[in-house]
Each structure stands twice: as C-alpha cells, then as structure tokens.
Amino acid sequence: MKILIIEDEKGLAQSISLYLTDENYKCELAATFEEAIHKIKNYDYDCILLDLMLPGGSGLIILEELKKLNKQEGVIIISAKNSLEDKIKGLQIGADDYLAKPFHLSELSARIYSVIRRKQFGNTNKININEIEIDLLSKTVSVGNKDLVLTKKEYDLLLFLIGNKNKVISKNALAEHLSGDMADMMDNHGFVYAHVKNLKKKLADNNCDKYIKTMYGVGYKWES
C-alpha cells in the first residue's frame, strides 16, 4: 500500500513516514504545493495525507485538483487548522477524513487502514475469493486452511490486483505501485515480471485457480 504524505513540517513528515514504513506502507513525501501537484498528476496512491497550509498554495486546491483528475485515492486531511469551516469544506470537496494536529501516530494508522478498506474492499477486514482468504488486519493470506507465505511485495501485488479485479493493469502502473516514483529511474520493469511470476507460482503450488492473466504487451489482470 502506497501513501503520499503532503506535509511541510519536515520532522512531522519524517516521523509519519518512519512509523507507517514500520507498518508496511510505502511512503512518499511532498513538502510544497508544487511538489504535491506534480505527485498527484503523475502517480497513484492508496491514500493521501494532506496538510491544508502549504508553501505555495492551499491543500484545498489540491483536493479540487484530485477531483478534476477523477482520482480515487482516499484522502485524510492532517492540519493544525481545526476550524469547523475548514473541516466541512475539505469533506465537501472530497476528503474522506480529518485529523487535527497534534495526533497519535497509532490513530493516524488506524484512520488510513479504515479509509483504504472502505475505498477498495467494501469496509471489510477479510477478503474472500473462492479458496483464498486475506486478513487485512494481520496482513496474512491463506488458501483453504493453509497459510500462504508471501513477501511484502507479493502481498502488495496481490492486494493491488484484487483491488482492481477484472481490469487490465499496465506494467508501468504495477512498477509505480511497488516502487513509487523510483520506477521512473529504472531501465525496465523486469522486477514486475519477477514478482508476478513468483506470486503466480505460489498460488499454483497451493492449487489456486489461475486468477492472474497475462495480457501480452499490455500488463496483467486478476479475473475472478
């Protein structure tokens, strides 16, 4: 799961990033309005943490831009501006939640989990697809009654494909999801093929149906 932290307080942004990284999220940072606009226009995220007061512009304008771009990311406003007016306006524009500073990082993590679960998986803690069960709280996967041991990248890949089931996902989109904006610096996306191949093999070894379809020259699709 990939998080964009739009926050100009460097210490707070780093603290959030370190905490969420330990919670197995992949984090990217944007400290200014311009950086944030560049990120949201060029990359996709599972959740965006948005400060309203940024150098160069307002976080509310970023919310409006997300709406214009028809982006589907969950958005949590994190701001010292705790006025009712700001909260209502942000939620009306499209934010999913609002958390006033200062806050406990454990509460922020719980809010992120709730927003992603609601956006992508219909507000459930467990995903069941025929013989496969995914526990979003414990981040475990089982097939039948047998645990399926996956790497973090394989788990992220599985959730991303299932969250976009029956849609063709390009290799570029998968590379960006797994590696963030570092994907732009890579000469090829061979690592995406490797992760998909390993995930397919682990599913097949546990007698799963062939859910992951290769769309040659395009990408991959989860069919169920």
C-alpha atoms as a PDB file:
ATOM      1  CA  MET A   1       0.000   0.000   0.000  1.00  0.00           C
ATOM      2  CA  LYS A   2       1.378   3.382  -1.052  1.00  0.00           C
ATOM      3  CA  ILE A   3       0.918   6.606   0.909  1.00  0.00           C
ATOM      4  CA  LEU A   4       1.648  10.196  -0.148  1.00  0.00           C
ATOM      5  CA  ILE A   5       2.445  12.488   2.789  1.00  0.00           C
ATOM      6  CA  ILE A   6       1.869  16.140   1.835  1.00  0.00           C
ATOM      7  CA  GLU A   7       3.347  17.998   4.796  1.00  0.00           C
ATOM      8  CA  ASP A   8       5.807  20.889   5.013  1.00  0.00           C
ATOM      9  CA  GLU A   9       6.878  20.228   8.618  1.00  0.00           C
ATOM     10  CA  LYS A  10       9.917  18.075   7.876  1.00  0.00           C
ATOM     11  CA  GLY A  11      10.142  16.494  11.331  1.00  0.00           C
ATOM     12  CA  LEU A  12       6.483  15.518  11.378  1.00  0.00           C
ATOM     13  CA  ALA A  13       6.607  14.193   7.810  1.00  0.00           C
ATOM     14  CA  GLN A  14       9.639  12.034   8.634  1.00  0.00           C
ATOM     15  CA  SER A  15       8.033  10.741  11.841  1.00  0.00           C
ATOM     16  CA  ILE A  16       4.878   9.769   9.969  1.00  0.00           C
ATOM     17  CA  SER A  17       6.909   8.144   7.188  1.00  0.00           C
ATOM     18  CA  LEU A  18       9.045   6.100   9.597  1.00  0.00           C
ATOM     19  CA  TYR A  19       6.026   4.929  11.573  1.00  0.00           C
ATOM     20  CA  LEU A  20       3.993   3.944   8.509  1.00  0.00           C
ATOM     21  CA  THR A  21       7.002   2.241   6.907  1.00  0.00           C
ATOM     22  CA  ASP A  22       7.196   0.031  10.001  1.00  0.00           C
ATOM     23  CA  GLU A  23       3.502  -0.686   9.407  1.00  0.00           C
ATOM     24  CA  ASN A  24       4.461  -1.971   5.927  1.00  0.00           C
ATOM     25  CA  TYR A  25       3.260   1.045   3.957  1.00  0.00           C
ATOM     26  CA  LYS A  26       5.381   2.578   1.199  1.00  0.00           C
ATOM     27  CA  CYS A  27       5.657   6.316   1.782  1.00  0.00           C
ATOM     28  CA  GLU A  28       6.479   9.256  -0.448  1.00  0.00           C
ATOM     29  CA  LEU A  29       6.808  12.891   0.647  1.00  0.00           C
ATOM     30  CA  ALA A  30       5.818  16.258  -0.803  1.00  0.00           C
ATOM     31  CA  ALA A  31       6.721  19.397   1.167  1.00  0.00           C
ATOM     32  CA  THR A  32       5.294  22.106  -1.103  1.00  0.00           C
ATOM     33  CA  PHE A  33       2.173  22.791  -3.122  1.00  0.00           C
ATOM     34  CA  GLU A  34       4.101  22.390  -6.390  1.00  0.00           C
ATOM     35  CA  GLU A  35       5.629  19.052  -5.351  1.00  0.00           C
ATOM     36  CA  ALA A  36       2.222  17.768  -4.305  1.00  0.00           C
ATOM     37  CA  ILE A  37       0.579  18.772  -7.606  1.00  0.00           C
ATOM     38  CA  HIS A  38       3.374  17.033  -9.538  1.00  0.00           C
ATOM     39  CA  LYS A  39       2.954  13.851  -7.498  1.00  0.00           C
ATOM     40  CA  ILE A  40      -0.819  13.595  -7.793  1.00  0.00           C
ATOM     41  CA  LYS A  41      -0.744  14.277 -11.536  1.00  0.00           C
ATOM     42  CA  ASN A  42       1.912  11.684 -12.283  1.00  0.00           C
ATOM     43  CA  TYR A  43       1.416   8.921  -9.711  1.00  0.00           C
ATOM     44  CA  ASP A  44      -1.342   6.975  -7.999  1.00  0.00           C
ATOM     45  CA  TYR A  45      -1.628   6.228  -4.289  1.00  0.00           C
ATOM     46  CA  ASP A  46      -3.796   4.218  -1.937  1.00  0.00           C
ATOM     47  CA  CYS A  47      -4.116   7.101   0.497  1.00  0.00           C
ATOM     48  CA  ILE A  48      -3.001  10.752   0.664  1.00  0.00           C
ATOM     49  CA  LEU A  49      -2.290  12.602   3.910  1.00  0.00           C
ATOM     50  CA  LEU A  50      -2.877  16.277   3.218  1.00  0.00           C
ATOM     51  CA  ASP A  51      -1.884  19.364   5.198  1.00  0.00           C
ATOM     52  CA  LEU A  52      -4.064  22.362   4.342  1.00  0.00           C
ATOM     53  CA  MET A  53      -1.370  25.027   4.818  1.00  0.00           C
ATOM     54  CA  LEU A  54       1.493  24.512   2.362  1.00  0.00           C
ATOM     55  CA  PRO A  55       4.223  26.720   0.903  1.00  0.00           C
ATOM     56  CA  GLY A  56       2.929  27.879  -2.454  1.00  0.00           C
ATOM     57  CA  GLY A  57      -0.761  27.101  -2.125  1.00  0.00           C
ATOM     58  CA  SER A  58      -3.684  25.632  -0.218  1.00  0.00           C
ATOM     59  CA  GLY A  59      -4.352  21.959   0.390  1.00  0.00           C
ATOM     60  CA  LEU A  60      -7.981  22.624  -0.510  1.00  0.00           C
ATOM     61  CA  ILE A  61      -6.866  23.430  -4.068  1.00  0.00           C
ATOM     62  CA  ILE A  62      -5.077  20.063  -4.163  1.00  0.00           C
ATOM     63  CA  LEU A  63      -8.351  18.408  -3.174  1.00  0.00           C
ATOM     64  CA  GLU A  64     -10.101  20.201  -6.018  1.00  0.00           C
ATOM     65  CA  GLU A  65      -7.373  19.086  -8.436  1.00  0.00           C
ATOM     66  CA  LEU A  66      -7.781  15.465  -7.338  1.00  0.00           C
ATOM     67  CA  LYS A  67     -11.474  15.757  -8.097  1.00  0.00           C
ATOM     68  CA  LYS A  68     -10.806  17.259 -11.556  1.00  0.00           C
ATOM     69  CA  LEU A  69      -8.391  14.424 -12.318  1.00  0.00           C
ATOM     70  CA  ASN A  70     -11.034  11.902 -11.200  1.00  0.00           C
ATOM     71  CA  LYS A  71      -8.544  10.358  -8.784  1.00  0.00           C
ATOM     72  CA  GLN A  72      -9.792   7.607  -6.488  1.00  0.00           C
ATOM     73  CA  GLU A  73      -7.260   7.880  -3.656  1.00  0.00           C
ATOM     74  CA  GLY A  74      -8.500   8.102  -0.105  1.00  0.00           C
ATOM     75  CA  VAL A  75      -7.618  11.498   1.422  1.00  0.00           C
ATOM     76  CA  ILE A  76      -7.111  12.310   5.085  1.00  0.00           C
ATOM     77  CA  ILE A  77      -6.638  15.974   5.982  1.00  0.00           C
ATOM     78  CA  ILE A  78      -3.996  16.447   8.707  1.00  0.00           C
ATOM     79  CA  SER A  79      -3.903  20.060   9.729  1.00  0.00           C
ATOM     80  CA  ALA A  80      -3.390  22.402  12.670  1.00  0.00           C
ATOM     81  CA  LYS A  81      -6.314  24.420  11.342  1.00  0.00           C
ATOM     82  CA  ASN A  82      -9.051  22.871  13.400  1.00  0.00           C
ATOM     83  CA  SER A  83     -11.916  25.156  12.431  1.00  0.00           C
ATOM     84  CA  LEU A  84     -15.265  23.607  11.628  1.00  0.00           C
ATOM     85  CA  GLU A  85     -15.395  25.567   8.371  1.00  0.00           C
ATOM     86  CA  ASP A  86     -12.136  24.059   7.042  1.00  0.00           C
ATOM     87  CA  LYS A  87     -13.209  20.570   8.051  1.00  0.00           C
ATOM     88  CA  ILE A  88     -16.603  20.851   6.366  1.00  0.00           C
ATOM     89  CA  LYS A  89     -15.163  22.393   3.199  1.00  0.00           C
ATOM     90  CA  GLY A  90     -12.486  19.708   2.919  1.00  0.00           C
ATOM     91  CA  LEU A  91     -15.001  16.898   3.358  1.00  0.00           C
ATOM     92  CA  GLN A  92     -17.389  18.527   0.877  1.00  0.00           C
ATOM     93  CA  ILE A  93     -14.663  18.785  -1.768  1.00  0.00           C
ATOM     94  CA  GLY A  94     -13.781  15.110  -1.416  1.00  0.00           C
ATOM     95  CA  ALA A  95     -11.644  14.315   1.638  1.00  0.00           C
ATOM     96  CA  ASP A  96     -12.531  11.064   3.416  1.00  0.00           C
ATOM     97  CA  ASP A  97     -11.430  12.012   6.928  1.00  0.00           C
ATOM     98  CA  TYR A  98      -9.961  14.857   9.008  1.00  0.00           C
ATOM     99  CA  LEU A  99      -7.404  14.567  11.804  1.00  0.00           C
ATOM    100  CA  ALA A 100      -6.324  17.663  13.737  1.00  0.00           C
ATOM    101  CA  LYS A 101      -2.722  18.139  14.897  1.00  0.00           C
ATOM    102  CA  PRO A 102      -1.324  17.033  17.237  1.00  0.00           C
ATOM    103  CA  PHE A 103      -2.371  13.393  16.896  1.00  0.00           C
ATOM    104  CA  HIS A 104      -1.092   9.959  17.866  1.00  0.00           C
ATOM    105  CA  LEU A 105       0.552   8.081  15.007  1.00  0.00           C
ATOM    106  CA  SER A 106      -1.322   4.922  16.001  1.00  0.00           C
ATOM    107  CA  GLU A 107      -4.620   6.765  15.462  1.00  0.00           C
ATOM    108  CA  LEU A 108      -3.426   8.030  12.076  1.00  0.00           C
ATOM    109  CA  SER A 109      -2.518   4.482  11.061  1.00  0.00           C
ATOM    110  CA  ALA A 110      -5.973   3.265  12.100  1.00  0.00           C
ATOM    111  CA  ARG A 111      -7.629   6.045  10.064  1.00  0.00           C
ATOM    112  CA  ILE A 112      -5.523   5.146   6.998  1.00  0.00           C
ATOM    113  CA  TYR A 113      -6.448   1.488   7.316  1.00  0.00           C
ATOM    114  CA  SER A 114     -10.140   2.384   7.609  1.00  0.00           C
ATOM    115  CA  VAL A 115     -10.098   4.667   4.567  1.00  0.00           C
ATOM    116  CA  ILE A 116      -8.265   2.152   2.349  1.00  0.00           C
ATOM    117  CA  ARG A 117     -10.512  -0.690   3.490  1.00  0.00           C
ATOM    118  CA  ARG A 118     -13.641   1.336   2.772  1.00  0.00           C
ATOM    119  CA  LYS A 119     -12.396   2.585  -0.612  1.00  0.00           C
ATOM    120  CA  GLN A 120     -11.020  -0.648  -2.016  1.00  0.00           C
ATOM    121  CA  PHE A 121     -12.604  -3.547  -0.178  1.00  0.00           C
ATOM    122  CA  GLY A 122     -16.113  -2.550   0.840  1.00  0.00           C
ATOM    123  CA  ASN A 123     -15.385  -1.877   4.514  1.00  0.00           C
ATOM    124  CA  THR A 124     -14.431  -5.458   5.360  1.00  0.00           C
ATOM    125  CA  ASN A 125     -11.473  -6.810   7.349  1.00  0.00           C
ATOM    126  CA  LYS A 126     -11.334 -10.026   5.364  1.00  0.00           C
ATOM    127  CA  ILE A 127     -11.382 -10.617   1.633  1.00  0.00           C
ATOM    128  CA  ASN A 128     -12.666 -13.990   0.437  1.00  0.00           C
ATOM    129  CA  ILE A 129     -12.218 -15.035  -3.167  1.00  0.00           C
ATOM    130  CA  ASN A 130     -13.237 -18.656  -3.507  1.00  0.00           C
ATOM    131  CA  GLU A 131     -10.404 -20.625  -1.854  1.00  0.00           C
ATOM    132  CA  ILE A 132      -8.354 -17.528  -0.953  1.00  0.00           C
ATOM    133  CA  GLU A 133      -8.791 -15.558   2.269  1.00  0.00           C
ATOM    134  CA  ILE A 134      -6.871 -12.346   3.027  1.00  0.00           C
ATOM    135  CA  ASP A 135      -6.911 -10.919   6.550  1.00  0.00           C
ATOM    136  CA  LEU A 136      -6.268  -7.183   6.165  1.00  0.00           C
ATOM    137  CA  LEU A 137      -5.647  -6.671   9.884  1.00  0.00           C
ATOM    138  CA  SER A 138      -2.971  -9.337  10.286  1.00  0.00           C
ATOM    139  CA  LYS A 139      -1.788  -8.999   6.658  1.00  0.00           C
ATOM    140  CA  THR A 140      -1.940 -12.771   6.185  1.00  0.00           C
ATOM    141  CA  VAL A 141      -3.152 -14.901   3.285  1.00  0.00           C
ATOM    142  CA  SER A 142      -4.469 -18.445   3.399  1.00  0.00           C
ATOM    143  CA  VAL A 143      -5.658 -20.932   0.809  1.00  0.00           C
ATOM    144  CA  GLY A 144      -8.149 -23.323   2.306  1.00  0.00           C
ATOM    145  CA  ASN A 145      -6.748 -23.840   5.790  1.00  0.00           C
ATOM    146  CA  LYS A 146      -3.134 -23.465   4.728  1.00  0.00           C
ATOM    147  CA  ASP A 147      -1.130 -20.276   5.210  1.00  0.00           C
ATOM    148  CA  LEU A 148       0.343 -18.780   2.060  1.00  0.00           C
ATOM    149  CA  VAL A 149       3.716 -17.192   2.815  1.00  0.00           C
ATOM    150  CA  LEU A 150       4.268 -14.097   0.683  1.00  0.00           C
ATOM    151  CA  THR A 151       6.922 -11.406   0.629  1.00  0.00           C
ATOM    152  CA  LYS A 152       5.789  -7.824   1.264  1.00  0.00           C
ATOM    153  CA  LYS A 153       5.990  -7.040  -2.453  1.00  0.00           C
ATOM    154  CA  GLU A 154       3.956 -10.142  -3.340  1.00  0.00           C
ATOM    155  CA  TYR A 155       1.327  -9.247  -0.737  1.00  0.00           C
ATOM    156  CA  ASP A 156       1.105  -5.675  -2.059  1.00  0.00           C
ATOM    157  CA  LEU A 157       0.874  -7.008  -5.612  1.00  0.00           C
ATOM    158  CA  LEU A 158      -1.904  -9.433  -4.656  1.00  0.00           C
ATOM    159  CA  LEU A 159      -3.967  -6.698  -2.985  1.00  0.00           C
ATOM    160  CA  PHE A 160      -3.414  -4.290  -5.870  1.00  0.00           C
ATOM    161  CA  LEU A 161      -4.554  -6.820  -8.465  1.00  0.00           C
ATOM    162  CA  ILE A 162      -7.579  -7.882  -6.410  1.00  0.00           C
ATOM    163  CA  GLY A 163      -8.469  -4.257  -5.672  1.00  0.00           C
ATOM    164  CA  ASN A 164      -8.568  -3.732  -9.450  1.00  0.00           C
ATOM    165  CA  LYS A 165     -10.066  -7.091 -10.370  1.00  0.00           C
ATOM    166  CA  ASN A 166     -11.163  -7.595 -13.954  1.00  0.00           C
ATOM    167  CA  LYS A 167      -9.187  -4.505 -15.002  1.00  0.00           C
ATOM    168  CA  VAL A 168      -6.012  -4.658 -17.080  1.00  0.00           C
ATOM    169  CA  ILE A 169      -3.144  -3.132 -15.058  1.00  0.00           C
ATOM    170  CA  SER A 170      -0.146  -1.988 -17.072  1.00  0.00           C
ATOM    171  CA  LYS A 171       3.403  -2.926 -16.131  1.00  0.00           C
ATOM    172  CA  ASN A 172       4.092   0.768 -15.600  1.00  0.00           C
ATOM    173  CA  ALA A 173       1.263   1.035 -13.079  1.00  0.00           C
ATOM    174  CA  LEU A 174       2.464  -2.068 -11.247  1.00  0.00           C
ATOM    175  CA  ALA A 175       6.048  -0.787 -11.199  1.00  0.00           C
ATOM    176  CA  GLU A 176       4.901   2.539  -9.793  1.00  0.00           C
ATOM    177  CA  HIS A 177       2.750   0.833  -7.146  1.00  0.00           C
ATOM    178  CA  LEU A 178       5.557  -1.445  -5.997  1.00  0.00           C
ATOM    179  CA  SER A 179       8.426   1.047  -6.190  1.00  0.00           C
ATOM    180  CA  GLY A 180       6.875   4.518  -6.207  1.00  0.00           C
ATOM    181  CA  ASP A 181       8.481   7.281  -8.225  1.00  0.00           C
ATOM    182  CA  MET A 182      11.735   5.268  -8.218  1.00  0.00           C
ATOM    183  CA  ALA A 183      10.152   3.338 -11.090  1.00  0.00           C
ATOM    184  CA  ASP A 184      10.946   6.278 -13.386  1.00  0.00           C
ATOM    185  CA  MET A 185      14.661   5.676 -12.853  1.00  0.00           C
ATOM    186  CA  MET A 186      14.603   2.030 -13.894  1.00  0.00           C
ATOM    187  CA  ASP A 187      15.608   0.966 -17.398  1.00  0.00           C
ATOM    188  CA  ASN A 188      12.997  -1.782 -17.492  1.00  0.00           C
ATOM    189  CA  HIS A 189      10.281  -3.342 -15.404  1.00  0.00           C
ATOM    190  CA  GLY A 190      11.731  -6.836 -15.202  1.00  0.00           C
ATOM    191  CA  PHE A 191      11.230  -6.835 -11.435  1.00  0.00           C
ATOM    192  CA  VAL A 192       7.459  -6.614 -12.024  1.00  0.00           C
ATOM    193  CA  TYR A 193       7.578  -9.776 -14.131  1.00  0.00           C
ATOM    194  CA  ALA A 194       9.622 -11.496 -11.418  1.00  0.00           C
ATOM    195  CA  HIS A 195       7.150 -10.624  -8.651  1.00  0.00           C
ATOM    196  CA  VAL A 196       4.159 -11.636 -10.770  1.00  0.00           C
ATOM    197  CA  LYS A 197       5.850 -14.902 -11.713  1.00  0.00           C
ATOM    198  CA  ASN A 198       6.636 -15.714  -8.055  1.00  0.00           C
ATOM    199  CA  LEU A 199       3.090 -14.874  -6.935  1.00  0.00           C
ATOM    200  CA  LYS A 200       1.588 -16.997  -9.705  1.00  0.00           C
ATOM    201  CA  LYS A 201       3.806 -19.939  -8.735  1.00  0.00           C
ATOM    202  CA  LYS A 202       2.913 -19.721  -5.041  1.00  0.00           C
ATOM    203  CA  LEU A 203      -0.790 -19.619  -5.866  1.00  0.00           C
ATOM    204  CA  ALA A 204      -0.453 -22.531  -8.305  1.00  0.00           C
ATOM    205  CA  ASP A 205       1.562 -24.579  -5.796  1.00  0.00           C
ATOM    206  CA  ASN A 206      -1.379 -24.222  -3.419  1.00  0.00           C
ATOM    207  CA  ASN A 207      -3.885 -25.420  -6.023  1.00  0.00           C
ATOM    208  CA  CYS A 208      -5.405 -21.982  -6.706  1.00  0.00           C
ATOM    209  CA  ASP A 209      -7.221 -21.240  -9.906  1.00  0.00           C
ATOM    210  CA  LYS A 210      -5.264 -19.226 -12.457  1.00  0.00           C
ATOM    211  CA  TYR A 211      -6.626 -15.837 -11.448  1.00  0.00           C
ATOM    212  CA  ILE A 212      -3.716 -13.742 -12.746  1.00  0.00           C
ATOM    213  CA  LYS A 213      -3.901 -13.402 -16.502  1.00  0.00           C
ATOM    214  CA  THR A 214      -1.033 -12.078 -18.607  1.00  0.00           C
ATOM    215  CA  MET A 215      -2.206  -9.589 -21.222  1.00  0.00           C
ATOM    216  CA  TYR A 216       0.757  -9.773 -23.572  1.00  0.00           C
ATOM    217  CA  GLY A 217       2.242  -6.408 -24.455  1.00  0.00           C
ATOM    218  CA  VAL A 218      -0.105  -4.646 -22.030  1.00  0.00           C
ATOM    219  CA  GLY A 219       0.084  -5.916 -18.447  1.00  0.00           C
ATOM    220  CA  TYR A 220      -1.838  -8.199 -16.095  1.00  0.00           C
ATOM    221  CA  LYS A 221      -5.392  -8.756 -14.926  1.00  0.00           C
ATOM    222  CA  TRP A 222      -6.983 -10.538 -11.956  1.00  0.00           C
ATOM    223  CA  GLU A 223     -10.000 -12.487 -13.244  1.00  0.00           C
ATOM    224  CA  SER A 224     -12.484 -13.949 -10.789  1.00  0.00           C
END
